[in-house]
């Protein structure tokens, strides 16, 4: 299994911090995007910057993370009209340097 680079570890830790900041008990894709976009030299930031203002994207993600509907089950949100199905994902295992 490949080891995580220092940049990846930093992005994941930032993602966890963002989740904790909003009182979330999980790290979702929105948290990961904020963590990735916090690195001004990262590939994610470079790609987003070609198509949008990175600061505005982060602000919108943070707005979404703070919205009352973010933590509610799908059945209670507007998306429930789309017959979304929750599918459990396999546990992600990351090997950090020095482990």
Protein backbone atom coordinates (compact mmCIF):
# COMPACT_ATOMS: atom_id res chain seq x y z
CA UNK A 1 0.00 0.00 0.00
CA UNK A 2 1.43 3.43 -0.90
CA UNK A 3 2.18 5.84 1.91
CA UNK A 4 0.47 9.21 2.17
CA UNK A 5 2.54 12.27 1.37
CA UNK A 6 2.89 15.11 3.86
CA UNK A 7 0.60 17.19 1.64
CA UNK A 8 -2.12 14.51 1.77
CA UNK A 9 -1.78 14.16 5.53
CA UNK A 10 -2.11 17.94 5.92
CA UNK A 11 -5.23 18.04 3.72
CA UNK A 12 -6.84 15.18 5.65
CA UNK A 13 -6.07 16.79 8.99
CA UNK A 14 -7.50 20.09 7.74
CA UNK A 15 -10.62 18.19 6.61
CA UNK A 16 -11.01 16.74 10.09
CA UNK A 17 -10.59 20.21 11.61
CA UNK A 18 -13.30 21.60 9.33
CA UNK A 19 -15.66 18.77 10.31
CA UNK A 20 -14.96 19.40 14.00
CA UNK A 21 -15.45 23.15 13.52
CA UNK A 22 -19.00 22.50 12.30
CA UNK A 23 -19.68 19.83 14.94
CA UNK A 24 -19.83 17.02 12.37
CA UNK A 25 -18.95 13.50 13.44
CA UNK A 26 -17.81 12.50 9.95
CA UNK A 27 -15.58 13.80 7.20
CA UNK A 28 -17.52 14.10 3.96
CA UNK A 29 -16.65 15.23 0.47
CA UNK A 30 -17.35 18.86 1.33
CA UNK A 31 -14.91 18.73 4.25
CA UNK A 32 -12.31 17.08 2.00
CA UNK A 33 -12.71 19.76 -0.66
CA UNK A 34 -12.17 22.54 1.87
CA UNK A 35 -9.11 20.67 3.16
CA UNK A 36 -7.72 20.23 -0.35
CA UNK A 37 -8.44 23.80 -1.41
CA UNK A 38 -6.62 25.14 1.66
CA UNK A 39 -3.35 24.28 -0.13
CA UNK A 40 -2.76 27.11 -2.61
CA UNK A 41 -0.23 25.00 -4.53
CA UNK A 42 -2.28 21.79 -4.60
CA UNK A 43 -3.62 20.23 -7.76
CA UNK A 44 -7.24 20.57 -6.59
CA UNK A 45 -6.76 24.30 -6.07
CA UNK A 46 -5.13 24.70 -9.47
CA UNK A 47 -7.96 22.86 -11.24
CA UNK A 48 -10.70 24.79 -9.45
CA UNK A 49 -8.89 28.09 -10.07
CA UNK A 50 -9.10 27.49 -13.83
CA UNK A 51 -12.90 27.44 -13.64
CA UNK A 52 -13.95 29.41 -10.57
CA UNK A 53 -12.78 31.68 -7.78
CA UNK A 54 -11.28 29.35 -5.14
CA UNK A 55 -12.28 31.67 -2.29
CA UNK A 56 -15.89 31.70 -3.48
CA UNK A 57 -15.91 27.90 -3.76
CA UNK A 58 -14.58 27.55 -0.21
CA UNK A 59 -17.14 30.07 1.04
CA UNK A 60 -19.97 28.18 -0.64
CA UNK A 61 -18.76 24.86 0.76
CA UNK A 62 -18.58 26.38 4.24
CA UNK A 63 -22.08 27.84 3.80
CA UNK A 64 -23.35 24.39 2.86
CA UNK A 65 -21.56 22.75 5.80
CA UNK A 66 -23.20 25.22 8.16
CA UNK A 67 -26.71 24.84 6.77
CA UNK A 68 -29.34 23.19 9.00
CA UNK A 69 -30.11 20.54 6.38
CA UNK A 70 -26.50 19.31 6.06
CA UNK A 71 -26.69 16.76 8.89
CA UNK A 72 -30.29 15.72 8.34
CA UNK A 73 -31.08 12.33 6.80
CA UNK A 74 -31.77 12.35 3.06
CA UNK A 75 -35.44 11.54 3.66
CA UNK A 76 -35.84 14.86 5.50
CA UNK A 77 -34.21 17.03 2.83
CA UNK A 78 -35.40 18.32 -0.53
CA UNK A 79 -33.26 15.69 -2.28
CA UNK A 80 -35.62 12.98 -1.02
CA UNK A 81 -37.78 13.62 -4.08
CA UNK A 82 -35.01 12.13 -6.22
CA UNK A 83 -35.22 8.65 -4.67
CA UNK A 84 -31.64 8.79 -3.47
CA UNK A 85 -30.28 5.68 -1.88
CA UNK A 86 -27.63 5.62 0.83
CA UNK A 87 -24.91 3.12 -0.02
CA UNK A 88 -22.32 2.25 2.64
CA UNK A 89 -18.76 2.72 1.43
CA UNK A 90 -15.78 0.55 2.36
CA UNK A 91 -13.59 1.92 5.12
CA UNK A 92 -10.73 4.03 3.81
CA UNK A 93 -7.37 3.01 5.19
CA UNK A 94 -4.46 5.37 4.84
CA UNK A 95 -0.93 4.49 5.79
CA UNK A 96 0.79 7.54 7.22
CA UNK A 97 4.57 7.93 7.01
CA UNK A 98 6.30 6.19 9.88
CA UNK A 99 3.56 3.60 10.42
